[in-house]
Amino acid sequence: MVQVLGVLDAFDPDEIEADLSSGVLKIRFGDGKVCVMNRQTAAQQIWLAEGASAWHFAWDQATGGWLDTKGRGDLRRVLSEVLSRRLRRQIAI
């Protein structure tokens, strides 16, 4: 999550403000809406929530990445899609 925070810190603060505290990354968009990513240590997952959508990602040793438990993609791709939709331009994390 620290790596994602570093990427988000490069954005204009009028578009995105990101804060990381106690394993919870809050991404605030210019319109006031929030996307939250947090570690679920007991479940060994990372959860992502934005609006009415939520994803649970588990570490996949074979790919070396965090994959959605319902087969909806890896964390970087899903987060990139959320940011792209919210900012109305192509974003790659």
Protein backbone atom coordinates (compact mmCIF):
# COMPACT_ATOMS: atom_id res chain seq x y z
CA MET A 1 0.00 0.00 0.00
CA VAL A 2 2.94 2.30 0.56
CA GLN A 3 3.84 1.96 -3.13
CA VAL A 4 0.28 2.89 -4.17
CA LEU A 5 0.38 5.89 -1.82
CA GLY A 6 3.60 7.05 -3.49
CA VAL A 7 1.95 6.90 -6.91
CA LEU A 8 -1.17 8.72 -5.68
CA ASP A 9 0.88 11.45 -4.01
CA ALA A 10 2.05 12.51 -7.48
CA PHE A 11 -1.51 13.48 -8.48
CA ASP A 12 -2.85 17.01 -8.23
CA PRO A 13 -4.41 17.31 -4.75
CA ASP A 14 -7.49 18.88 -6.37
CA GLU A 15 -8.05 15.47 -8.06
CA ILE A 16 -6.88 13.00 -5.42
CA GLU A 17 -5.74 13.16 -1.82
CA ALA A 18 -4.50 9.91 -0.30
CA ASP A 19 -3.82 9.12 3.35
CA LEU A 20 -2.41 5.91 4.82
CA SER A 21 -2.99 5.18 8.50
CA SER A 22 -3.02 1.87 10.40
CA GLY A 23 -3.15 -0.16 7.19
CA VAL A 24 -6.06 1.81 5.72
CA LEU A 25 -5.51 3.83 2.54
CA LYS A 26 -8.21 6.45 1.96
CA ILE A 27 -8.36 8.01 -1.48
CA ARG A 28 -10.47 11.18 -1.60
CA PHE A 29 -11.49 12.49 -4.99
CA GLY A 30 -12.09 16.12 -5.90
CA ASP A 31 -15.85 15.60 -5.70
CA GLY A 32 -15.58 14.42 -2.09
CA LYS A 33 -16.19 10.71 -2.79
CA VAL A 34 -13.86 8.18 -1.17
CA CYS A 35 -12.25 4.89 -2.16
CA VAL A 36 -10.81 2.76 0.68
CA MET A 37 -8.16 0.05 0.54
CA ASN A 38 -7.25 -1.86 3.68
CA ARG A 39 -5.34 -4.88 4.85
CA GLN A 40 -7.34 -7.68 6.38
CA THR A 41 -4.53 -9.40 8.25
CA ALA A 42 -6.62 -12.21 9.74
CA ALA A 43 -8.00 -13.13 6.30
CA GLN A 44 -4.63 -12.47 4.61
CA GLN A 45 -6.37 -10.24 2.08
CA ILE A 46 -6.53 -6.68 0.84
CA TRP A 47 -10.00 -5.20 0.51
CA LEU A 48 -10.94 -2.36 -1.82
CA ALA A 49 -14.23 -0.46 -1.72
CA GLU A 50 -15.48 2.32 -3.97
CA GLY A 51 -19.09 3.44 -4.07
CA ALA A 52 -21.31 0.36 -4.07
CA SER A 53 -18.50 -1.93 -5.30
CA ALA A 54 -16.10 -4.00 -3.22
CA TRP A 55 -13.29 -6.42 -3.99
CA HIS A 56 -11.32 -8.89 -1.84
CA PHE A 57 -7.82 -9.71 -3.05
CA ALA A 58 -5.71 -12.67 -1.94
CA TRP A 59 -2.01 -13.15 -2.64
CA ASP A 60 -1.38 -15.49 -5.56
CA GLN A 61 2.06 -17.08 -5.37
CA ALA A 62 1.95 -18.23 -9.01
CA THR A 63 1.50 -14.72 -10.42
CA GLY A 64 3.20 -12.83 -7.60
CA GLY A 65 0.23 -10.50 -7.27
CA TRP A 66 -3.00 -9.79 -5.43
CA LEU A 67 -5.93 -11.39 -7.27
CA ASP A 68 -9.63 -10.77 -6.67
CA THR A 69 -11.22 -13.79 -5.01
CA LYS A 70 -14.13 -13.65 -7.49
CA GLY A 71 -11.89 -13.64 -10.57
CA ARG A 72 -12.33 -9.96 -11.44
CA GLY A 73 -8.63 -9.23 -11.93
CA ASP A 74 -5.57 -8.17 -10.03
CA LEU A 75 -5.39 -5.31 -7.58
CA ARG A 76 -3.36 -2.96 -9.80
CA ARG A 77 -5.72 -3.38 -12.75
CA VAL A 78 -8.87 -2.95 -10.68
CA LEU A 79 -7.50 0.12 -8.89
CA SER A 80 -6.39 1.57 -12.23
CA GLU A 81 -9.91 1.07 -13.60
CA VAL A 82 -11.48 2.74 -10.55
CA LEU A 83 -9.15 5.73 -10.82
CA SER A 84 -9.61 5.97 -14.60
CA ARG A 85 -13.39 6.00 -14.23
CA ARG A 86 -13.36 8.54 -11.40
CA LEU A 87 -10.85 10.89 -13.09
CA ARG A 88 -12.23 10.35 -16.61
CA ARG A 89 -8.85 9.57 -18.14
CA GLN A 90 -6.60 6.53 -18.45
CA ILE A 91 -4.65 5.84 -15.24
CA ALA A 92 -2.18 2.97 -14.78
CA ILE A 93 -0.97 1.93 -11.34
